[in-house]
Amino acid sequence: TVGGTAFGSPECIRFSYATSDEKIVEA
């Protein structure tokens, strides 16, 4: 994943869901 500090929000974390349903469920 990517921590939110570089995006200006140190309290958040970014998930990209540009991946398959199976991988999202497993993640």
mmCIF file of all heavy atoms, coordinates in Angstrom:
data_MODEL
# 
_entry.id   MODEL 
# 
loop_
_atom_site.group_PDB 
_atom_site.id 
_atom_site.type_symbol 
_atom_site.label_atom_id 
_atom_site.label_alt_id 
_atom_site.label_comp_id 
_atom_site.label_asym_id 
_atom_site.label_entity_id 
_atom_site.label_seq_id 
_atom_site.pdbx_PDB_ins_code 
_atom_site.Cartn_x 
_atom_site.Cartn_y 
_atom_site.Cartn_z 
_atom_site.occupancy 
_atom_site.B_iso_or_equiv 
_atom_site.pdbx_formal_charge 
_atom_site.auth_seq_id 
_atom_site.auth_comp_id 
_atom_site.auth_asym_id 
_atom_site.auth_atom_id 
_atom_site.pdbx_PDB_model_num 
ATOM 1   N N   . THR A 1 1  ? 0.877   -1.174  0.000   1.00 0.00 ? 1  THR A N   1 
ATOM 2   C CA  . THR A 1 1  ? 0.000   0.000   0.000   1.00 0.00 ? 1  THR A CA  1 
ATOM 3   C C   . THR A 1 1  ? 0.915   1.225   0.000   1.00 0.00 ? 1  THR A C   1 
ATOM 4   O O   . THR A 1 1  ? 2.134   1.086   -0.107  1.00 0.00 ? 1  THR A O   1 
ATOM 5   C CB  . THR A 1 1  ? -0.890  0.014   1.250   1.00 0.00 ? 1  THR A CB  1 
ATOM 6   O OG1 . THR A 1 1  ? -0.040  0.130   2.407   1.00 0.00 ? 1  THR A OG1 1 
ATOM 7   C CG2 . THR A 1 1  ? -1.720  -1.255  1.365   1.00 0.00 ? 1  THR A CG2 1 
ATOM 8   N N   . VAL A 1 2  ? 0.344   2.416   0.122   1.00 0.00 ? 2  VAL A N   1 
ATOM 9   C CA  . VAL A 1 2  ? 1.171   3.622   0.214   1.00 0.00 ? 2  VAL A CA  1 
ATOM 10  C C   . VAL A 1 2  ? 0.661   4.478   1.371   1.00 0.00 ? 2  VAL A C   1 
ATOM 11  O O   . VAL A 1 2  ? -0.534  4.799   1.441   1.00 0.00 ? 2  VAL A O   1 
ATOM 12  C CB  . VAL A 1 2  ? 1.131   4.465   -1.091  1.00 0.00 ? 2  VAL A CB  1 
ATOM 13  C CG1 . VAL A 1 2  ? 2.130   5.619   -1.002  1.00 0.00 ? 2  VAL A CG1 1 
ATOM 14  C CG2 . VAL A 1 2  ? 1.433   3.611   -2.308  1.00 0.00 ? 2  VAL A CG2 1 
ATOM 15  N N   . GLY A 1 3  ? 1.568   4.846   2.287   1.00 0.00 ? 3  GLY A N   1 
ATOM 16  C CA  . GLY A 1 3  ? 1.204   5.730   3.389   1.00 0.00 ? 3  GLY A CA  1 
ATOM 17  C C   . GLY A 1 3  ? 0.782   7.098   2.882   1.00 0.00 ? 3  GLY A C   1 
ATOM 18  O O   . GLY A 1 3  ? 1.234   7.553   1.824   1.00 0.00 ? 3  GLY A O   1 
ATOM 19  N N   . GLY A 1 4  ? -0.077  7.776   3.642   1.00 0.00 ? 4  GLY A N   1 
ATOM 20  C CA  . GLY A 1 4  ? -0.688  9.011   3.156   1.00 0.00 ? 4  GLY A CA  1 
ATOM 21  C C   . GLY A 1 4  ? 0.132   10.275  3.283   1.00 0.00 ? 4  GLY A C   1 
ATOM 22  O O   . GLY A 1 4  ? -0.256  11.325  2.755   1.00 0.00 ? 4  GLY A O   1 
ATOM 23  N N   . THR A 1 5  ? 1.278   10.233  3.970   1.00 0.00 ? 5  THR A N   1 
ATOM 24  C CA  . THR A 1 5  ? 2.044   11.462  4.213   1.00 0.00 ? 5  THR A CA  1 
ATOM 25  C C   . THR A 1 5  ? 2.439   12.158  2.920   1.00 0.00 ? 5  THR A C   1 
ATOM 26  O O   . THR A 1 5  ? 2.300   13.376  2.783   1.00 0.00 ? 5  THR A O   1 
ATOM 27  C CB  . THR A 1 5  ? 3.300   11.159  5.056   1.00 0.00 ? 5  THR A CB  1 
ATOM 28  O OG1 . THR A 1 5  ? 2.887   10.551  6.283   1.00 0.00 ? 5  THR A OG1 1 
ATOM 29  C CG2 . THR A 1 5  ? 4.066   12.430  5.383   1.00 0.00 ? 5  THR A CG2 1 
ATOM 30  N N   . ALA A 1 6  ? 2.915   11.389  1.937   1.00 0.00 ? 6  ALA A N   1 
ATOM 31  C CA  . ALA A 1 6  ? 3.355   11.983  0.674   1.00 0.00 ? 6  ALA A CA  1 
ATOM 32  C C   . ALA A 1 6  ? 2.196   12.632  -0.085  1.00 0.00 ? 6  ALA A C   1 
ATOM 33  O O   . ALA A 1 6  ? 2.403   13.511  -0.926  1.00 0.00 ? 6  ALA A O   1 
ATOM 34  C CB  . ALA A 1 6  ? 4.021   10.931  -0.204  1.00 0.00 ? 6  ALA A CB  1 
ATOM 35  N N   . PHE A 1 7  ? 0.966   12.220  0.230   1.00 0.00 ? 7  PHE A N   1 
ATOM 36  C CA  . PHE A 1 7  ? -0.213  12.811  -0.401  1.00 0.00 ? 7  PHE A CA  1 
ATOM 37  C C   . PHE A 1 7  ? -0.758  13.984  0.418   1.00 0.00 ? 7  PHE A C   1 
ATOM 38  O O   . PHE A 1 7  ? -1.778  14.576  0.048   1.00 0.00 ? 7  PHE A O   1 
ATOM 39  C CB  . PHE A 1 7  ? -1.329  11.766  -0.546  1.00 0.00 ? 7  PHE A CB  1 
ATOM 40  C CG  . PHE A 1 7  ? -0.948  10.566  -1.372  1.00 0.00 ? 7  PHE A CG  1 
ATOM 41  C CD1 . PHE A 1 7  ? -0.646  9.354   -0.771  1.00 0.00 ? 7  PHE A CD1 1 
ATOM 42  C CD2 . PHE A 1 7  ? -0.905  10.626  -2.759  1.00 0.00 ? 7  PHE A CD2 1 
ATOM 43  C CE1 . PHE A 1 7  ? -0.311  8.229   -1.525  1.00 0.00 ? 7  PHE A CE1 1 
ATOM 44  C CE2 . PHE A 1 7  ? -0.571  9.513   -3.521  1.00 0.00 ? 7  PHE A CE2 1 
ATOM 45  C CZ  . PHE A 1 7  ? -0.267  8.317   -2.901  1.00 0.00 ? 7  PHE A CZ  1 
ATOM 46  N N   . GLY A 1 8  ? -0.110  14.277  1.549   1.00 0.00 ? 8  GLY A N   1 
ATOM 47  C CA  . GLY A 1 8  ? -0.564  15.380  2.399   1.00 0.00 ? 8  GLY A CA  1 
ATOM 48  C C   . GLY A 1 8  ? -1.521  14.971  3.499   1.00 0.00 ? 8  GLY A C   1 
ATOM 49  O O   . GLY A 1 8  ? -2.086  15.811  4.183   1.00 0.00 ? 8  GLY A O   1 
ATOM 50  N N   . SER A 1 9  ? -1.726  13.666  3.691   1.00 0.00 ? 9  SER A N   1 
ATOM 51  C CA  . SER A 1 9  ? -2.634  13.174  4.736   1.00 0.00 ? 9  SER A CA  1 
ATOM 52  C C   . SER A 1 9  ? -1.965  12.066  5.530   1.00 0.00 ? 9  SER A C   1 
ATOM 53  O O   . SER A 1 9  ? -2.157  10.877  5.263   1.00 0.00 ? 9  SER A O   1 
ATOM 54  C CB  . SER A 1 9  ? -3.934  12.652  4.119   1.00 0.00 ? 9  SER A CB  1 
ATOM 55  O OG  . SER A 1 9  ? -4.707  13.707  3.646   1.00 0.00 ? 9  SER A OG  1 
ATOM 56  N N   . PRO A 1 10 ? -1.145  12.454  6.524   1.00 0.00 ? 10 PRO A N   1 
ATOM 57  C CA  . PRO A 1 10 ? -0.382  11.447  7.277   1.00 0.00 ? 10 PRO A CA  1 
ATOM 58  C C   . PRO A 1 10 ? -1.251  10.499  8.095   1.00 0.00 ? 10 PRO A C   1 
ATOM 59  O O   . PRO A 1 10 ? -0.750  9.508   8.616   1.00 0.00 ? 10 PRO A O   1 
ATOM 60  C CB  . PRO A 1 10 ? 0.523   12.290  8.188   1.00 0.00 ? 10 PRO A CB  1 
ATOM 61  C CG  . PRO A 1 10 ? -0.101  13.644  8.230   1.00 0.00 ? 10 PRO A CG  1 
ATOM 62  C CD  . PRO A 1 10 ? -0.846  13.834  6.955   1.00 0.00 ? 10 PRO A CD  1 
ATOM 63  N N   . GLU A 1 11 ? -2.554  10.789  8.189   1.00 0.00 ? 11 GLU A N   1 
ATOM 64  C CA  . GLU A 1 11 ? -3.445  9.932   8.977   1.00 0.00 ? 11 GLU A CA  1 
ATOM 65  C C   . GLU A 1 11 ? -4.133  8.861   8.129   1.00 0.00 ? 11 GLU A C   1 
ATOM 66  O O   . GLU A 1 11 ? -4.927  8.077   8.636   1.00 0.00 ? 11 GLU A O   1 
ATOM 67  C CB  . GLU A 1 11 ? -4.508  10.791  9.698   1.00 0.00 ? 11 GLU A CB  1 
ATOM 68  C CG  . GLU A 1 11 ? -5.610  11.360  8.815   1.00 0.00 ? 11 GLU A CG  1 
ATOM 69  C CD  . GLU A 1 11 ? -5.221  12.555  7.957   1.00 0.00 ? 11 GLU A CD  1 
ATOM 70  O OE1 . GLU A 1 11 ? -4.029  12.944  7.935   1.00 0.00 ? 11 GLU A OE1 1 
ATOM 71  O OE2 . GLU A 1 11 ? -6.119  13.111  7.293   1.00 0.00 ? 11 GLU A OE2 1 
ATOM 72  N N   . CYS A 1 12 ? -3.812  8.829   6.825   1.00 0.00 ? 12 CYS A N   1 
ATOM 73  C CA  . CYS A 1 12 ? -4.502  7.916   5.900   1.00 0.00 ? 12 CYS A CA  1 
ATOM 74  C C   . CYS A 1 12 ? -3.515  6.977   5.200   1.00 0.00 ? 12 CYS A C   1 
ATOM 75  O O   . CYS A 1 12 ? -2.307  7.170   5.252   1.00 0.00 ? 12 CYS A O   1 
ATOM 76  C CB  . CYS A 1 12 ? -5.275  8.711   4.848   1.00 0.00 ? 12 CYS A CB  1 
ATOM 77  S SG  . CYS A 1 12 ? -6.634  9.700   5.516   1.00 0.00 ? 12 CYS A SG  1 
ATOM 78  N N   . ILE A 1 13 ? -4.073  5.985   4.525   1.00 0.00 ? 13 ILE A N   1 
ATOM 79  C CA  . ILE A 1 13 ? -3.268  5.039   3.759   1.00 0.00 ? 13 ILE A CA  1 
ATOM 80  C C   . ILE A 1 13 ? -4.006  4.779   2.437   1.00 0.00 ? 13 ILE A C   1 
ATOM 81  O O   . ILE A 1 13 ? -5.239  4.748   2.407   1.00 0.00 ? 13 ILE A O   1 
ATOM 82  C CB  . ILE A 1 13 ? -3.062  3.736   4.577   1.00 0.00 ? 13 ILE A CB  1 
ATOM 83  C CG1 . ILE A 1 13 ? -1.990  2.847   3.967   1.00 0.00 ? 13 ILE A CG1 1 
ATOM 84  C CG2 . ILE A 1 13 ? -4.354  2.982   4.798   1.00 0.00 ? 13 ILE A CG2 1 
ATOM 85  C CD1 . ILE A 1 13 ? -1.505  1.751   4.927   1.00 0.00 ? 13 ILE A CD1 1 
ATOM 86  N N   . ARG A 1 14 ? -3.250  4.646   1.330   1.00 0.00 ? 14 ARG A N   1 
ATOM 87  C CA  . ARG A 1 14 ? -3.904  4.493   0.031   1.00 0.00 ? 14 ARG A CA  1 
ATOM 88  C C   . ARG A 1 14 ? -3.843  3.060   -0.470  1.00 0.00 ? 14 ARG A C   1 
ATOM 89  O O   . ARG A 1 14 ? -2.787  2.439   -0.486  1.00 0.00 ? 14 ARG A O   1 
ATOM 90  C CB  . ARG A 1 14 ? -3.259  5.407   -1.023  1.00 0.00 ? 14 ARG A CB  1 
ATOM 91  C CG  . ARG A 1 14 ? -4.096  5.503   -2.305  1.00 0.00 ? 14 ARG A CG  1 
ATOM 92  C CD  . ARG A 1 14 ? -3.356  6.188   -3.437  1.00 0.00 ? 14 ARG A CD  1 
ATOM 93  N NE  . ARG A 1 14 ? -2.379  5.291   -4.075  1.00 0.00 ? 14 ARG A NE  1 
ATOM 94  C CZ  . ARG A 1 14 ? -1.740  5.551   -5.214  1.00 0.00 ? 14 ARG A CZ  1 
ATOM 95  N NH1 . ARG A 1 14 ? -1.953  6.700   -5.833  1.00 0.00 ? 14 ARG A NH1 1 
ATOM 96  N NH2 . ARG A 1 14 ? -0.878  4.693   -5.720  1.00 0.00 ? 14 ARG A NH2 1 
ATOM 97  N N   . PHE A 1 15 ? -5.008  2.572   -0.905  1.00 0.00 ? 15 PHE A N   1 
ATOM 98  C CA  . PHE A 1 15 ? -5.114  1.278   -1.564  1.00 0.00 ? 15 PHE A CA  1 
ATOM 99  C C   . PHE A 1 15 ? -5.550  1.514   -3.004  1.00 0.00 ? 15 PHE A C   1 
ATOM 100 O O   . PHE A 1 15 ? -6.510  2.243   -3.244  1.00 0.00 ? 15 PHE A O   1 
ATOM 101 C CB  . PHE A 1 15 ? -6.178  0.394   -0.894  1.00 0.00 ? 15 PHE A CB  1 
ATOM 102 C CG  . PHE A 1 15 ? -5.887  0.034   0.530   1.00 0.00 ? 15 PHE A CG  1 
ATOM 103 C CD1 . PHE A 1 15 ? -6.381  0.804   1.576   1.00 0.00 ? 15 PHE A CD1 1 
ATOM 104 C CD2 . PHE A 1 15 ? -5.119  -1.077  0.836   1.00 0.00 ? 15 PHE A CD2 1 
ATOM 105 C CE1 . PHE A 1 15 ? -6.118  0.471   2.894   1.00 0.00 ? 15 PHE A CE1 1 
ATOM 106 C CE2 . PHE A 1 15 ? -4.851  -1.417  2.155   1.00 0.00 ? 15 PHE A CE2 1 
ATOM 107 C CZ  . PHE A 1 15 ? -5.345  -0.640  3.188   1.00 0.00 ? 15 PHE A CZ  1 
ATOM 108 N N   . SER A 1 16 ? -4.863  0.908   -3.960  1.00 0.00 ? 16 SER A N   1 
ATOM 109 C CA  . SER A 1 16 ? -5.328  0.910   -5.346  1.00 0.00 ? 16 SER A CA  1 
ATOM 110 C C   . SER A 1 16 ? -6.092  -0.387  -5.582  1.00 0.00 ? 16 SER A C   1 
ATOM 111 O O   . SER A 1 16 ? -5.567  -1.472  -5.332  1.00 0.00 ? 16 SER A O   1 
ATOM 112 C CB  . SER A 1 16 ? -4.150  0.992   -6.317  1.00 0.00 ? 16 SER A CB  1 
ATOM 113 O OG  . SER A 1 16 ? -4.570  0.646   -7.626  1.00 0.00 ? 16 SER A OG  1 
ATOM 114 N N   . TYR A 1 17 ? -7.337  -0.259  -6.055  1.00 0.00 ? 17 TYR A N   1 
ATOM 115 C CA  . TYR A 1 17 ? -8.092  -1.482  -6.346  1.00 0.00 ? 17 TYR A CA  1 
ATOM 116 C C   . TYR A 1 17 ? -8.113  -1.775  -7.849  1.00 0.00 ? 17 TYR A C   1 
ATOM 117 O O   . TYR A 1 17 ? -9.051  -2.380  -8.379  1.00 0.00 ? 17 TYR A O   1 
ATOM 118 C CB  . TYR A 1 17 ? -9.497  -1.452  -5.740  1.00 0.00 ? 17 TYR A CB  1 
ATOM 119 C CG  . TYR A 1 17 ? -10.375 -0.265  -6.062  1.00 0.00 ? 17 TYR A CG  1 
ATOM 120 C CD1 . TYR A 1 17 ? -11.182 -0.256  -7.188  1.00 0.00 ? 17 TYR A CD1 1 
ATOM 121 C CD2 . TYR A 1 17 ? -10.420 0.839   -5.209  1.00 0.00 ? 17 TYR A CD2 1 
ATOM 122 C CE1 . TYR A 1 17 ? -12.005 0.811   -7.474  1.00 0.00 ? 17 TYR A CE1 1 
ATOM 123 C CE2 . TYR A 1 17 ? -11.236 1.913   -5.486  1.00 0.00 ? 17 TYR A CE2 1 
ATOM 124 C CZ  . TYR A 1 17 ? -12.034 1.896   -6.622  1.00 0.00 ? 17 TYR A CZ  1 
ATOM 125 O OH  . TYR A 1 17 ? -12.855 2.966   -6.898  1.00 0.00 ? 17 TYR A OH  1 
ATOM 126 N N   . ALA A 1 18 ? -7.028  -1.367  -8.531  1.00 0.00 ? 18 ALA A N   1 
ATOM 127 C CA  . ALA A 1 18 ? -6.846  -1.721  -9.944  1.00 0.00 ? 18 ALA A CA  1 
ATOM 128 C C   . ALA A 1 18 ? -6.233  -3.120  -10.029 1.00 0.00 ? 18 ALA A C   1 
ATOM 129 O O   . ALA A 1 18 ? -5.172  -3.332  -10.603 1.00 0.00 ? 18 ALA A O   1 
ATOM 130 C CB  . ALA A 1 18 ? -5.964  -0.688  -10.633 1.00 0.00 ? 18 ALA A CB  1 
ATOM 131 N N   . THR A 1 19 ? -6.916  -4.055  -9.402  1.00 0.00 ? 19 THR A N   1 
ATOM 132 C CA  . THR A 1 19 ? -6.471  -5.452  -9.394  1.00 0.00 ? 19 THR A CA  1 
ATOM 133 C C   . THR A 1 19 ? -7.700  -6.338  -9.272  1.00 0.00 ? 19 THR A C   1 
ATOM 134 O O   . THR A 1 19 ? -8.811  -5.832  -9.058  1.00 0.00 ? 19 THR A O   1 
ATOM 135 C CB  . THR A 1 19 ? -5.460  -5.701  -8.255  1.00 0.00 ? 19 THR A CB  1 
ATOM 136 O OG1 . THR A 1 19 ? -4.880  -6.988  -8.411  1.00 0.00 ? 19 THR A OG1 1 
ATOM 137 C CG2 . THR A 1 19 ? -6.089  -5.597  -6.874  1.00 0.00 ? 19 THR A CG2 1 
ATOM 138 N N   . SER A 1 20 ? -7.543  -7.639  -9.413  1.00 0.00 ? 20 SER A N   1 
ATOM 139 C CA  . SER A 1 20 ? -8.711  -8.534  -9.502  1.00 0.00 ? 20 SER A CA  1 
ATOM 140 C C   . SER A 1 20 ? -9.481  -8.620  -8.185  1.00 0.00 ? 20 SER A C   1 
ATOM 141 O O   . SER A 1 20 ? -8.945  -8.362  -7.100  1.00 0.00 ? 20 SER A O   1 
ATOM 142 C CB  . SER A 1 20 ? -8.252  -9.938  -9.893  1.00 0.00 ? 20 SER A CB  1 
ATOM 143 O OG  . SER A 1 20 ? -7.525  -10.523 -8.820  1.00 0.00 ? 20 SER A OG  1 
ATOM 144 N N   . ASP A 1 21 ? -10.755 -9.013  -8.292  1.00 0.00 ? 21 ASP A N   1 
ATOM 145 C CA  . ASP A 1 21 ? -11.599 -9.203  -7.098  1.00 0.00 ? 21 ASP A CA  1 
ATOM 146 C C   . ASP A 1 21 ? -10.941 -10.187 -6.138  1.00 0.00 ? 21 ASP A C   1 
ATOM 147 O O   . ASP A 1 21 ? -10.941 -9.975  -4.916  1.00 0.00 ? 21 ASP A O   1 
ATOM 148 C CB  . ASP A 1 21 ? -12.980 -9.761  -7.499  1.00 0.00 ? 21 ASP A CB  1 
ATOM 149 C CG  . ASP A 1 21 ? -13.789 -8.801  -8.346  1.00 0.00 ? 21 ASP A CG  1 
ATOM 150 O OD1 . ASP A 1 21 ? -13.190 -8.098  -9.187  1.00 0.00 ? 21 ASP A OD1 1 
ATOM 151 O OD2 . ASP A 1 21 ? -15.014 -8.751  -8.174  1.00 0.00 ? 21 ASP A OD2 1 
ATOM 152 N N   . GLU A 1 22 ? -10.376 -11.260 -6.704  1.00 0.00 ? 22 GLU A N   1 
ATOM 153 C CA  . GLU A 1 22 ? -9.747  -12.295 -5.859  1.00 0.00 ? 22 GLU A CA  1 
ATOM 154 C C   . GLU A 1 22 ? -8.592  -11.711 -5.051  1.00 0.00 ? 22 GLU A C   1 
ATOM 155 O O   . GLU A 1 22 ? -8.434  -12.003 -3.861  1.00 0.00 ? 22 GLU A O   1 
ATOM 156 C CB  . GLU A 1 22 ? -9.233  -13.453 -6.729  1.00 0.00 ? 22 GLU A CB  1 
ATOM 157 C CG  . GLU A 1 22 ? -10.304 -14.255 -7.448  1.00 0.00 ? 22 GLU A CG  1 
ATOM 158 C CD  . GLU A 1 22 ? -10.914 -13.534 -8.646  1.00 0.00 ? 22 GLU A CD  1 
ATOM 159 O OE1 . GLU A 1 22 ? -10.282 -12.612 -9.204  1.00 0.00 ? 22 GLU A OE1 1 
ATOM 160 O OE2 . GLU A 1 22 ? -12.059 -13.881 -9.021  1.00 0.00 ? 22 GLU A OE2 1 
ATOM 161 N N   . LYS A 1 23 ? -7.790  -10.876 -5.712  1.00 0.00 ? 23 LYS A N   1 
ATOM 162 C CA  . LYS A 1 23 ? -6.645  -10.279 -5.009  1.00 0.00 ? 23 LYS A CA  1 
ATOM 163 C C   . LYS A 1 23 ? -7.108  -9.268  -3.958  1.00 0.00 ? 23 LYS A C   1 
ATOM 164 O O   . LYS A 1 23 ? -6.486  -9.139  -2.900  1.00 0.00 ? 23 LYS A O   1 
ATOM 165 C CB  . LYS A 1 23 ? -5.703  -9.625  -6.011  1.00 0.00 ? 23 LYS A CB  1 
ATOM 166 C CG  . LYS A 1 23 ? -4.878  -10.645 -6.782  1.00 0.00 ? 23 LYS A CG  1 
ATOM 167 C CD  . LYS A 1 23 ? -3.820  -10.008 -7.649  1.00 0.00 ? 23 LYS A CD  1 
ATOM 168 C CE  . LYS A 1 23 ? -2.966  -11.080 -8.330  1.00 0.00 ? 23 LYS A CE  1 
ATOM 169 N NZ  . LYS A 1 23 ? -1.986  -10.493 -9.257  1.00 0.00 ? 23 LYS A NZ  1 
ATOM 170 N N   . ILE A 1 24 ? -8.176  -8.545  -4.235  1.00 0.00 ? 24 ILE A N   1 
ATOM 171 C CA  . ILE A 1 24 ? -8.719  -7.590  -3.246  1.00 0.00 ? 24 ILE A CA  1 
ATOM 172 C C   . ILE A 1 24 ? -9.190  -8.362  -2.008  1.00 0.00 ? 24 ILE A C   1 
ATOM 173 O O   . ILE A 1 24 ? -8.882  -7.986  -0.875  1.00 0.00 ? 24 ILE A O   1 
ATOM 174 C CB  . ILE A 1 24 ? -9.872  -6.763  -3.861  1.00 0.00 ? 24 ILE A CB  1 
ATOM 175 C CG1 . ILE A 1 24 ? -9.337  -5.834  -4.962  1.00 0.00 ? 24 ILE A CG1 1 
ATOM 176 C CG2 . ILE A 1 24 ? -10.584 -5.938  -2.775  1.00 0.00 ? 24 ILE A CG2 1 
ATOM 177 C CD1 . ILE A 1 24 ? -10.411 -5.196  -5.826  1.00 0.00 ? 24 ILE A CD1 1 
ATOM 178 N N   . VAL A 1 25 ? -9.924  -9.457  -2.232  1.00 0.00 ? 25 VAL A N   1 
ATOM 179 C CA  . VAL A 1 25 ? -10.421 -10.269 -1.110  1.00 0.00 ? 25 VAL A CA  1 
ATOM 180 C C   . VAL A 1 25 ? -9.258  -10.843 -0.309  1.00 0.00 ? 25 VAL A C   1 
ATOM 181 O O   . VAL A 1 25 ? -9.238  -10.770 0.936   1.00 0.00 ? 25 VAL A O   1 
ATOM 182 C CB  . VAL A 1 25 ? -11.346 -11.400 -1.629  1.00 0.00 ? 25 VAL A CB  1 
ATOM 183 C CG1 . VAL A 1 25 ? -11.665 -12.392 -0.510  1.00 0.00 ? 25 VAL A CG1 1 
ATOM 184 C CG2 . VAL A 1 25 ? -12.628 -10.806 -2.197  1.00 0.00 ? 25 VAL A CG2 1 
ATOM 185 N N   . GLU A 1 26 ? -8.258  -11.379 -1.007  1.00 0.00 ? 26 GLU A N   1 
ATOM 186 C CA  . GLU A 1 26 ? -7.090  -11.948 -0.325  1.00 0.00 ? 26 GLU A CA  1 
ATOM 187 C C   . GLU A 1 26 ? -6.315  -10.876 0.427   1.00 0.00 ? 26 GLU A C   1 
ATOM 188 O O   . GLU A 1 26 ? -5.876  -11.094 1.572   1.00 0.00 ? 26 GLU A O   1 
ATOM 189 C CB  . GLU A 1 26 ? -6.185  -12.649 -1.342  1.00 0.00 ? 26 GLU A CB  1 
ATOM 190 C CG  . GLU A 1 26 ? -4.852  -13.150 -0.793  1.00 0.00 ? 26 GLU A CG  1 
ATOM 191 C CD  . GLU A 1 26 ? -4.974  -14.161 0.345   1.00 0.00 ? 26 GLU A CD  1 
ATOM 192 O OE1 . GLU A 1 26 ? -6.055  -14.752 0.544   1.00 0.00 ? 26 GLU A OE1 1 
ATOM 193 O OE2 . GLU A 1 26 ? -3.954  -14.363 1.039   1.00 0.00 ? 26 GLU A OE2 1 
ATOM 194 N N   . ALA A 1 27 ? -6.145  -9.703  -0.184  1.00 0.00 ? 27 ALA A N   1 
ATOM 195 C CA  . ALA A 1 27 ? -5.414  -8.607  0.466   1.00 0.00 ? 27 ALA A CA  1 
ATOM 196 C C   . ALA A 1 27 ? -6.077  -8.228  1.784   1.00 0.00 ? 27 ALA A C   1 
ATOM 197 O O   . ALA A 1 27 ? -5.400  -8.089  2.820   1.00 0.00 ? 27 ALA A O   1 
ATOM 198 C CB  . ALA A 1 27 ? -5.348  -7.395  -0.456  1.00 0.00 ? 27 ALA A CB  1 
# 
